[in-house]
Amino acid sequence: MRAICVASAVLLGAGALTSCVPADAAIRTDFGFSVEPSTVAAGGEVTLRVERNHVCRGKAAVNSPVFDVVIIPPGESWATAVVDWDARPGVYDVSFECDKSSSTARLKITDGRPAHHPAHHGAHRPTHHPQKGVHAGEGGTLAGFDLKEIGLGAALIAGSLGVAYHFSRRPDEDAG
């Protein structure tokens, strides 16, 4: 009987811990990447960025159902792509492949049309880098959490520990 109580407490605690983790925290990538902006109208332009590191040194191929394949050459960290004019509104995967690693971002296509028509179609490879710093992270292990999430997680963990203690201290009813 005691083994069942301990197993229940362990499962309850594990459930409490996993319910506190944001959904995107489970996604692990070997190199940084982004699509900017993440929401655009059909026919709009997006900037595709890769963070160069020991895993991503060669050419990076970026592919999506809503624009042509874009190649970011070695030494470059970004390129642009024009979203197809006939792209339907919705959320699409954007696949980044560099050397032997791959990652996926999301791109949302809205219902409107951009204010201007780009003069080119397909990919543009820049000859210079933007004069901005690299977005290097969220700032620590608590990045992305707010006080409500931390409080809820602490309450779930405290509750599961309390239940485990309660069941472990109850007199064994089968021993009687």
N, C-alpha and C. Protein backbone atom coordinates (compact mmCIF):
# COMPACT_ATOMS: atom_id res chain seq x y z
N MET A 1 0.82 -1.19 0.00
CA MET A 1 0.00 0.00 0.00
C MET A 1 0.87 1.25 0.00
N ARG A 2 1.95 1.22 0.77
CA ARG A 2 2.83 2.38 0.85
C ARG A 2 3.48 2.67 -0.51
N ALA A 3 3.82 1.64 -1.27
CA ALA A 3 4.43 1.84 -2.59
C ALA A 3 3.46 2.55 -3.53
N ILE A 4 2.19 2.24 -3.43
CA ILE A 4 1.19 2.91 -4.28
C ILE A 4 1.11 4.38 -3.92
N CYS A 5 1.15 4.70 -2.63
CA CYS A 5 1.10 6.09 -2.20
C CYS A 5 2.32 6.86 -2.68
N VAL A 6 3.48 6.26 -2.55
CA VAL A 6 4.70 6.93 -2.99
C VAL A 6 4.69 7.13 -4.50
N ALA A 7 4.28 6.11 -5.24
CA ALA A 7 4.22 6.22 -6.70
C ALA A 7 3.22 7.30 -7.12
N SER A 8 2.09 7.37 -6.43
CA SER A 8 1.09 8.40 -6.74
C SER A 8 1.65 9.79 -6.47
N ALA A 9 2.36 9.93 -5.36
CA ALA A 9 2.94 11.24 -5.04
C ALA A 9 3.99 11.64 -6.06
N VAL A 10 4.80 10.70 -6.50
CA VAL A 10 5.83 11.00 -7.49
C VAL A 10 5.18 11.42 -8.81
N LEU A 11 4.16 10.70 -9.24
CA LEU A 11 3.49 11.05 -10.50
C LEU A 11 2.78 12.40 -10.39
N LEU A 12 2.18 12.67 -9.25
CA LEU A 12 1.51 13.95 -9.04
C LEU A 12 2.53 15.09 -9.08
N GLY A 13 3.68 14.89 -8.44
CA GLY A 13 4.73 15.90 -8.46
C GLY A 13 5.29 16.13 -9.85
N ALA A 14 5.50 15.04 -10.58
CA ALA A 14 6.00 15.17 -11.95
C ALA A 14 5.00 15.91 -12.83
N GLY A 15 3.72 15.60 -12.65
CA GLY A 15 2.68 16.30 -13.40
C GLY A 15 2.65 17.78 -13.08
N ALA A 16 2.81 18.11 -11.81
CA ALA A 16 2.83 19.51 -11.39
C ALA A 16 4.02 20.24 -12.01
N LEU A 17 5.16 19.61 -12.01
CA LEU A 17 6.34 20.26 -12.59
C LEU A 17 6.22 20.46 -14.09
N THR A 18 5.73 19.46 -14.81
CA THR A 18 5.64 19.60 -16.26
C THR A 18 4.53 20.56 -16.68
N SER A 19 3.52 20.74 -15.86
CA SER A 19 2.46 21.68 -16.24
C SER A 19 2.91 23.12 -16.09
N CYS A 20 4.01 23.36 -15.41
CA CYS A 20 4.52 24.72 -15.21
C CYS A 20 5.48 25.16 -16.30
N VAL A 21 5.90 24.27 -17.16
CA VAL A 21 6.87 24.59 -18.20
C VAL A 21 6.13 25.15 -19.41
N PRO A 22 6.54 26.31 -19.94
CA PRO A 22 5.90 26.83 -21.13
C PRO A 22 6.10 25.88 -22.31
N ALA A 23 5.16 25.89 -23.25
CA ALA A 23 5.18 24.94 -24.36
C ALA A 23 6.44 25.08 -25.21
N ASP A 24 6.90 26.30 -25.43
CA ASP A 24 8.07 26.47 -26.29
C ASP A 24 9.38 26.18 -25.58
N ALA A 25 9.36 25.93 -24.28
CA ALA A 25 10.60 25.63 -23.56
C ALA A 25 11.14 24.25 -23.93
N ALA A 26 10.29 23.37 -24.45
CA ALA A 26 10.72 22.03 -24.81
C ALA A 26 11.47 22.00 -26.14
N ILE A 27 11.36 23.07 -26.91
CA ILE A 27 12.03 23.13 -28.21
C ILE A 27 13.48 23.51 -28.00
N ARG A 28 14.40 22.66 -28.40
CA ARG A 28 15.83 22.94 -28.26
C ARG A 28 16.44 23.00 -29.65
N THR A 29 17.20 24.03 -29.89
CA THR A 29 17.87 24.16 -31.17
C THR A 29 19.36 24.28 -30.95
N ASP A 30 20.11 23.97 -31.98
CA ASP A 30 21.57 24.03 -31.89
C ASP A 30 22.13 25.36 -32.39
N PHE A 31 21.30 26.18 -33.03
CA PHE A 31 21.74 27.48 -33.48
C PHE A 31 20.55 28.43 -33.43
N GLY A 32 20.83 29.72 -33.31
CA GLY A 32 19.78 30.72 -33.25
C GLY A 32 19.22 31.03 -34.63
N PHE A 33 17.95 31.38 -34.68
CA PHE A 33 17.30 31.69 -35.94
C PHE A 33 16.06 32.52 -35.65
N SER A 34 15.57 33.24 -36.66
CA SER A 34 14.33 33.99 -36.50
C SER A 34 13.76 34.39 -37.85
N VAL A 35 12.46 34.68 -37.84
CA VAL A 35 11.74 35.23 -38.98
C VAL A 35 11.15 36.55 -38.48
N GLU A 36 11.50 37.65 -39.14
CA GLU A 36 11.03 38.96 -38.69
C GLU A 36 10.41 39.72 -39.84
N PRO A 37 9.22 40.20 -39.74
CA PRO A 37 8.31 40.02 -38.63
C PRO A 37 7.71 38.62 -38.66
N SER A 38 7.15 38.19 -37.55
CA SER A 38 6.57 36.86 -37.49
C SER A 38 5.15 36.84 -38.05
N THR A 39 4.57 38.00 -38.30
CA THR A 39 3.25 38.12 -38.93
C THR A 39 3.38 39.09 -40.09
N VAL A 40 2.90 38.67 -41.26
CA VAL A 40 3.04 39.49 -42.46
C VAL A 40 1.88 39.20 -43.40
N ALA A 41 1.55 40.15 -44.26
CA ALA A 41 0.52 39.94 -45.27
C ALA A 41 1.12 39.23 -46.48
N ALA A 42 0.29 38.57 -47.26
CA ALA A 42 0.75 37.94 -48.50
C ALA A 42 1.39 39.01 -49.37
N GLY A 43 2.54 38.69 -49.96
CA GLY A 43 3.27 39.65 -50.78
C GLY A 43 4.25 40.49 -49.98
N GLY A 44 4.24 40.37 -48.66
CA GLY A 44 5.14 41.13 -47.81
C GLY A 44 6.53 40.51 -47.76
N GLU A 45 7.46 41.24 -47.16
CA GLU A 45 8.85 40.81 -47.08
C GLU A 45 9.19 40.43 -45.65
N VAL A 46 9.95 39.35 -45.48
CA VAL A 46 10.42 38.93 -44.16
C VAL A 46 11.94 38.84 -44.18
N THR A 47 12.53 39.07 -43.02
CA THR A 47 13.96 38.91 -42.85
C THR A 47 14.22 37.59 -42.14
N LEU A 48 15.09 36.79 -42.70
CA LEU A 48 15.43 35.48 -42.15
C LEU A 48 16.82 35.58 -41.56
N ARG A 49 16.95 35.27 -40.28
CA ARG A 49 18.23 35.42 -39.58
C ARG A 49 18.71 34.09 -39.01
N VAL A 50 20.01 33.88 -39.06
CA VAL A 50 20.64 32.74 -38.39
C VAL A 50 21.77 33.28 -37.54
N GLU A 51 21.94 32.68 -36.37
CA GLU A 51 23.05 33.05 -35.50
C GLU A 51 24.18 32.07 -35.76
N ARG A 52 25.28 32.58 -36.23
CA ARG A 52 26.42 31.73 -36.56
C ARG A 52 27.13 31.30 -35.29
N ASN A 53 27.40 29.99 -35.19
CA ASN A 53 28.16 29.44 -34.07
C ASN A 53 28.87 28.19 -34.56
N HIS A 54 29.39 27.37 -33.64
CA HIS A 54 30.14 26.18 -34.02
C HIS A 54 29.29 25.14 -34.75
N VAL A 55 27.97 25.22 -34.60
CA VAL A 55 27.07 24.26 -35.25
C VAL A 55 26.65 24.75 -36.63
N CYS A 56 26.58 26.04 -36.83
CA CYS A 56 26.11 26.62 -38.09
C CYS A 56 27.18 27.53 -38.67
N ARG A 57 28.07 26.94 -39.47
CA ARG A 57 29.14 27.72 -40.10
C ARG A 57 28.97 27.82 -41.61
N GLY A 58 28.38 26.82 -42.21
CA GLY A 58 28.24 26.77 -43.66
C GLY A 58 27.01 27.53 -44.15
N LYS A 59 26.56 27.17 -45.35
CA LYS A 59 25.38 27.84 -45.88
C LYS A 59 24.14 27.37 -45.11
N ALA A 60 23.20 28.27 -44.98
CA ALA A 60 21.94 27.96 -44.31
C ALA A 60 20.83 28.03 -45.36
N ALA A 61 20.02 26.98 -45.43
CA ALA A 61 18.89 26.95 -46.36
C ALA A 61 17.61 27.18 -45.55
N VAL A 62 16.78 28.10 -46.02
CA VAL A 62 15.53 28.42 -45.35
C VAL A 62 14.40 28.13 -46.34
N ASN A 63 13.43 27.34 -45.89
CA ASN A 63 12.37 26.87 -46.78
C ASN A 63 11.02 27.02 -46.11
N SER A 64 10.01 27.36 -46.88
CA SER A 64 8.64 27.47 -46.40
C SER A 64 7.69 27.28 -47.58
N PRO A 65 6.46 26.83 -47.31
CA PRO A 65 5.50 26.71 -48.40
C PRO A 65 5.07 28.05 -48.99
N VAL A 66 5.37 29.17 -48.32
CA VAL A 66 4.88 30.46 -48.78
C VAL A 66 5.95 31.35 -49.42
N PHE A 67 7.19 30.85 -49.56
CA PHE A 67 8.21 31.57 -50.33
C PHE A 67 9.23 30.58 -50.85
N ASP A 68 10.01 31.04 -51.86
CA ASP A 68 11.03 30.19 -52.46
C ASP A 68 12.15 29.92 -51.47
N VAL A 69 12.91 28.86 -51.71
CA VAL A 69 14.04 28.53 -50.86
C VAL A 69 15.04 29.68 -50.88
N VAL A 70 15.52 30.05 -49.70
CA VAL A 70 16.50 31.12 -49.56
C VAL A 70 17.78 30.51 -49.01
N ILE A 71 18.89 30.83 -49.62
CA ILE A 71 20.20 30.36 -49.15
C ILE A 71 20.93 31.55 -48.52
N ILE A 72 21.33 31.38 -47.26
CA ILE A 72 22.15 32.38 -46.59
C ILE A 72 23.58 31.84 -46.63
N PRO A 73 24.46 32.50 -47.40
CA PRO A 73 25.81 31.96 -47.58
C PRO A 73 26.65 32.04 -46.30
N PRO A 74 27.71 31.24 -46.23
CA PRO A 74 28.61 31.32 -45.08
C PRO A 74 29.13 32.75 -44.93
N GLY A 75 29.24 33.19 -43.70
CA GLY A 75 29.69 34.55 -43.45
C GLY A 75 28.57 35.56 -43.37
N GLU A 76 27.42 35.25 -43.92
CA GLU A 76 26.25 36.12 -43.83
C GLU A 76 25.36 35.61 -42.71
N SER A 77 24.59 36.50 -42.09
CA SER A 77 23.72 36.07 -41.00
C SER A 77 22.25 36.33 -41.30
N TRP A 78 21.94 36.95 -42.44
CA TRP A 78 20.54 37.19 -42.76
C TRP A 78 20.33 37.37 -44.26
N ALA A 79 19.08 37.19 -44.64
CA ALA A 79 18.63 37.43 -46.01
C ALA A 79 17.15 37.75 -45.94
N THR A 80 16.58 38.18 -47.04
CA THR A 80 15.15 38.48 -47.06
C THR A 80 14.45 37.56 -48.05
N ALA A 81 13.16 37.42 -47.85
CA ALA A 81 12.32 36.64 -48.76
C ALA A 81 11.00 37.38 -48.92
N VAL A 82 10.40 37.26 -50.08
CA VAL A 82 9.09 37.84 -50.34
C VAL A 82 8.06 36.72 -50.30
N VAL A 83 7.06 36.91 -49.46
CA VAL A 83 5.98 35.93 -49.33
C VAL A 83 5.17 35.93 -50.62
N ASP A 84 4.78 34.75 -51.08
CA ASP A 84 3.97 34.63 -52.30
C ASP A 84 2.72 35.50 -52.22
N TRP A 85 2.37 36.14 -53.33
CA TRP A 85 1.18 36.98 -53.37
C TRP A 85 -0.10 36.18 -53.18
N ASP A 86 -0.07 34.90 -53.56
CA ASP A 86 -1.28 34.08 -53.44
C ASP A 86 -1.28 33.23 -52.16
N ALA A 87 -0.42 33.55 -51.21
CA ALA A 87 -0.38 32.79 -49.95
C ALA A 87 -1.68 33.01 -49.17
N ARG A 88 -2.25 31.92 -48.72
CA ARG A 88 -3.50 32.00 -47.96
C ARG A 88 -3.21 32.33 -46.50
N PRO A 89 -4.10 33.05 -45.83
CA PRO A 89 -3.91 33.35 -44.42
C PRO A 89 -3.79 32.06 -43.60
N GLY A 90 -2.92 32.07 -42.61
CA GLY A 90 -2.70 30.91 -41.77
C GLY A 90 -1.31 30.95 -41.17
N VAL A 91 -0.97 29.89 -40.46
CA VAL A 91 0.35 29.78 -39.83
C VAL A 91 1.14 28.71 -40.57
N TYR A 92 2.36 29.04 -40.97
CA TYR A 92 3.20 28.16 -41.77
C TYR A 92 4.53 27.92 -41.07
N ASP A 93 5.09 26.73 -41.28
CA ASP A 93 6.41 26.41 -40.77
C ASP A 93 7.47 27.00 -41.70
N VAL A 94 8.53 27.51 -41.09
CA VAL A 94 9.70 27.99 -41.83
C VAL A 94 10.87 27.14 -41.33
N SER A 95 11.44 26.32 -42.21
CA SER A 95 12.51 25.40 -41.83
C SER A 95 13.87 26.03 -42.10
N PHE A 96 14.73 25.99 -41.09
CA PHE A 96 16.11 26.45 -41.19
C PHE A 96 17.00 25.23 -41.13
N GLU A 97 17.88 25.06 -42.11
CA GLU A 97 18.84 23.96 -42.11
C GLU A 97 20.23 24.54 -42.31
N CYS A 98 21.12 24.18 -41.38
CA CYS A 98 22.49 24.66 -41.47
C CYS A 98 23.42 23.54 -41.06
N ASP A 99 24.35 23.19 -41.93
CA ASP A 99 25.26 22.07 -41.74
C ASP A 99 24.42 20.82 -41.44
N LYS A 100 24.51 20.24 -40.26
CA LYS A 100 23.74 19.03 -39.98
C LYS A 100 22.63 19.27 -38.96
N SER A 101 22.28 20.54 -38.70
CA SER A 101 21.23 20.88 -37.75
C SER A 101 20.06 21.50 -38.48
N SER A 102 18.89 21.35 -37.90
CA SER A 102 17.71 22.00 -38.47
C SER A 102 16.81 22.48 -37.35
N SER A 103 16.04 23.51 -37.65
CA SER A 103 15.11 24.10 -36.70
C SER A 103 13.92 24.64 -37.48
N THR A 104 12.84 24.90 -36.75
CA THR A 104 11.62 25.38 -37.39
C THR A 104 11.07 26.58 -36.64
N ALA A 105 10.67 27.59 -37.38
CA ALA A 105 10.00 28.77 -36.82
C ALA A 105 8.59 28.83 -37.42
N ARG A 106 7.77 29.70 -36.92
CA ARG A 106 6.40 29.89 -37.43
C ARG A 106 6.29 31.26 -38.08
N LEU A 107 5.51 31.31 -39.15
CA LEU A 107 5.22 32.56 -39.84
C LEU A 107 3.72 32.63 -40.05
N LYS A 108 3.11 33.71 -39.59
CA LYS A 108 1.66 33.89 -39.73
C LYS A 108 1.40 34.82 -40.90
N ILE A 109 0.56 34.36 -41.83
CA ILE A 109 0.15 35.17 -42.97
C ILE A 109 -1.23 35.74 -42.67
N THR A 110 -1.36 37.07 -42.77
CA THR A 110 -2.64 37.73 -42.49
C THR A 110 -3.42 37.93 -43.78
N ASP A 111 -4.62 38.44 -43.63
CA ASP A 111 -5.55 38.58 -44.75
C ASP A 111 -5.26 39.79 -45.64
N GLY A 112 -4.60 40.82 -45.12
CA GLY A 112 -4.40 42.06 -45.88
C GLY A 112 -3.31 41.95 -46.92
N ARG A 113 -3.06 43.07 -47.60
CA ARG A 113 -1.99 43.17 -48.58
C ARG A 113 -1.02 44.25 -48.11
N PRO A 114 0.28 44.12 -48.40
CA PRO A 114 1.22 45.17 -48.01
C PRO A 114 0.95 46.47 -48.76
N ALA A 115 1.39 47.58 -48.18
CA ALA A 115 1.14 48.90 -48.76
C ALA A 115 1.92 49.12 -50.05
N HIS A 116 3.06 48.50 -50.21
CA HIS A 116 3.86 48.70 -51.42
C HIS A 116 4.15 47.35 -52.06
N HIS A 117 4.43 47.40 -53.34
CA HIS A 117 4.79 46.19 -54.06
C HIS A 117 6.31 46.12 -54.16
N PRO A 118 6.92 45.05 -53.67
CA PRO A 118 8.38 44.98 -53.78
C PRO A 118 8.82 44.94 -55.23
N ALA A 119 9.98 45.52 -55.51
CA ALA A 119 10.48 45.58 -56.88
C ALA A 119 11.08 44.26 -57.34
N HIS A 120 11.35 43.35 -56.41
CA HIS A 120 11.96 42.08 -56.78
C HIS A 120 11.15 40.93 -56.21
N HIS A 121 11.36 39.80 -56.77
CA HIS A 121 10.70 38.60 -56.28
C HIS A 121 11.78 37.59 -55.94
N GLY A 122 11.54 36.77 -54.94
CA GLY A 122 12.52 35.76 -54.54
C GLY A 122 13.41 36.29 -53.43
N ALA A 123 14.61 35.72 -53.36
CA ALA A 123 15.51 36.03 -52.26
C ALA A 123 16.47 37.15 -52.62
N HIS A 124 16.81 37.91 -51.63
CA HIS A 124 17.81 38.96 -51.77
C HIS A 124 18.91 38.67 -50.76
N ARG A 125 20.14 38.63 -51.22
CA ARG A 125 21.25 38.38 -50.31
C ARG A 125 21.96 39.70 -50.02
N PRO A 126 21.92 40.14 -48.79
CA PRO A 126 22.53 41.43 -48.49
C PRO A 126 24.05 41.38 -48.59
N THR A 127 24.64 42.52 -48.88
CA THR A 127 26.10 42.59 -48.94
C THR A 127 26.67 43.17 -47.66
N HIS A 128 25.83 43.63 -46.75
CA HIS A 128 26.30 44.17 -45.48
C HIS A 128 25.43 43.62 -44.35
N HIS A 129 25.95 43.71 -43.16
CA HIS A 129 25.21 43.26 -41.99
C HIS A 129 24.50 44.44 -41.35
N PRO A 130 23.35 44.22 -40.75
CA PRO A 130 22.68 45.34 -40.09
C PRO A 130 23.51 45.85 -38.92
N GLN A 131 23.35 47.09 -38.57
CA GLN A 131 24.13 47.70 -37.50
C GLN A 131 23.44 47.55 -36.15
N LYS A 132 22.90 46.39 -35.88
CA LYS A 132 22.27 46.11 -34.60
C LYS A 132 23.01 44.95 -33.97
N GLY A 133 22.86 44.83 -32.67
CA GLY A 133 23.43 43.69 -31.98
C GLY A 133 22.58 42.46 -32.18
N VAL A 134 23.12 41.31 -31.86
CA VAL A 134 22.42 40.05 -31.99
C VAL A 134 21.51 39.86 -30.80
N HIS A 135 20.29 39.41 -31.04
CA HIS A 135 19.40 39.06 -29.94
C HIS A 135 19.92 37.76 -29.35
N ALA A 136 20.52 37.83 -28.17
CA ALA A 136 21.27 36.71 -27.64
C ALA A 136 20.53 35.89 -26.60
N GLY A 137 19.33 36.25 -26.23
CA GLY A 137 18.62 35.43 -25.27
C GLY A 137 17.66 36.25 -24.46
N GLU A 138 17.01 35.60 -23.54
CA GLU A 138 15.98 36.24 -22.74
C GLU A 138 16.46 36.65 -21.36
N GLY A 139 17.68 36.31 -20.99
CA GLY A 139 18.20 36.86 -19.77
C GLY A 139 18.27 35.94 -18.58
N GLY A 140 18.14 34.66 -18.74
CA GLY A 140 18.31 33.78 -17.60
C GLY A 140 17.30 32.67 -17.55
N THR A 141 17.32 31.94 -16.46
CA THR A 141 16.46 30.76 -16.37
C THR A 141 15.01 31.12 -16.14
N LEU A 142 14.72 32.32 -15.69
CA LEU A 142 13.34 32.70 -15.45
C LEU A 142 12.75 33.51 -16.60
N ALA A 143 13.45 33.59 -17.71
CA ALA A 143 12.96 34.36 -18.85
C ALA A 143 11.65 33.79 -19.36
N GLY A 144 10.71 34.66 -19.63
CA GLY A 144 9.43 34.24 -20.16
C GLY A 144 8.41 33.89 -19.10
N PHE A 145 8.79 33.79 -17.85
CA PHE A 145 7.85 33.50 -16.78
C PHE A 145 7.33 34.81 -16.19
N ASP A 146 6.12 34.80 -15.71
CA ASP A 146 5.63 35.93 -14.95
C ASP A 146 5.28 35.45 -13.54
N LEU A 147 4.91 36.35 -12.67
CA LEU A 147 4.67 36.00 -11.27
C LEU A 147 3.51 35.02 -11.12
N LYS A 148 2.48 35.12 -11.97
CA LYS A 148 1.36 34.17 -11.88
C LYS A 148 1.82 32.76 -12.17
N GLU A 149 2.66 32.58 -13.21
CA GLU A 149 3.15 31.25 -13.54
C GLU A 149 4.03 30.68 -12.44
N ILE A 150 4.89 31.51 -11.87
CA ILE A 150 5.75 31.05 -10.79
C ILE A 150 4.92 30.69 -9.57
N GLY A 151 3.94 31.52 -9.23
CA GLY A 151 3.07 31.24 -8.09
C GLY A 151 2.26 29.98 -8.29
N LEU A 152 1.71 29.79 -9.49
CA LEU A 152 0.93 28.59 -9.77
C LEU A 152 1.81 27.35 -9.68
N GLY A 153 3.01 27.43 -10.21
CA GLY A 153 3.93 26.29 -10.13
C GLY A 153 4.28 25.96 -8.69
N ALA A 154 4.56 26.99 -7.90
CA ALA A 154 4.89 26.76 -6.49
C ALA A 154 3.70 26.16 -5.73
N ALA A 155 2.49 26.65 -6.03
CA ALA A 155 1.30 26.10 -5.37
C ALA A 155 1.07 24.64 -5.75
N LEU A 156 1.26 24.30 -7.02
CA LEU A 156 1.08 22.91 -7.44
C LEU A 156 2.11 21.99 -6.79
N ILE A 157 3.33 22.45 -6.72
CA ILE A 157 4.38 21.64 -6.09
C ILE A 157 4.11 21.49 -4.60
N ALA A 158 3.76 22.58 -3.92
CA ALA A 158 3.46 22.50 -2.49
C ALA A 158 2.27 21.59 -2.23
N GLY A 159 1.26 21.69 -3.09
CA GLY A 159 0.08 20.82 -2.94
C GLY A 159 0.42 19.36 -3.11
N SER A 160 1.22 19.05 -4.12
CA SER A 160 1.58 17.64 -4.33
C SER A 160 2.45 17.12 -3.20
N LEU A 161 3.33 17.94 -2.66
CA LEU A 161 4.13 17.51 -1.51
C LEU A 161 3.25 17.31 -0.28
N GLY A 162 2.27 18.18 -0.09
CA GLY A 162 1.34 18.03 1.03
C GLY A 162 0.54 16.75 0.94
N VAL A 163 0.05 16.44 -0.26
CA VAL A 163 -0.71 15.20 -0.47
C VAL A 163 0.18 13.99 -0.23
N ALA A 164 1.41 14.04 -0.71
CA ALA A 164 2.34 12.93 -0.50
C ALA A 164 2.62 12.74 0.99
N TYR A 165 2.82 13.83 1.71
CA TYR A 165 3.06 13.74 3.16
C TYR A 165 1.83 13.17 3.87
N HIS A 166 0.65 13.65 3.48
CA HIS A 166 -0.58 13.17 4.10
C HIS A 166 -0.74 11.67 3.91
N PHE A 167 -0.53 11.19 2.68
CA PHE A 167 -0.69 9.75 2.43
C PHE A 167 0.41 8.93 3.09
N SER A 168 1.59 9.48 3.24
CA SER A 168 2.66 8.72 3.87
C SER A 168 2.49 8.64 5.39
N ARG A 169 1.76 9.56 6.01
CA ARG A 169 1.57 9.60 7.44
C ARG A 169 0.27 8.94 7.89
N ARG A 170 -0.60 8.60 6.96
CA ARG A 170 -1.87 7.94 7.34
C ARG A 170 -1.58 6.57 7.91
N PRO A 171 -2.34 6.17 8.92
CA PRO A 171 -2.16 4.80 9.42
C PRO A 171 -2.56 3.79 8.34
N ASP A 172 -1.83 2.73 8.26
CA ASP A 172 -2.10 1.69 7.27
C ASP A 172 -3.39 0.98 7.63
N GLU A 173 -4.42 1.09 6.77
CA GLU A 173 -5.75 0.51 7.06
C GLU A 173 -5.74 -0.99 6.88
N ASP A 174 -4.80 -1.53 6.10
CA ASP A 174 -4.76 -2.98 5.87
C ASP A 174 -4.08 -3.72 7.02
N ALA A 175 -3.38 -3.03 7.89
CA ALA A 175 -2.62 -3.71 8.95
C ALA A 175 -3.53 -4.18 10.09
N GLY A 176 -4.72 -3.59 10.24
CA GLY A 176 -5.63 -3.80 11.35
C GLY A 176 -6.02 -5.14 11.64
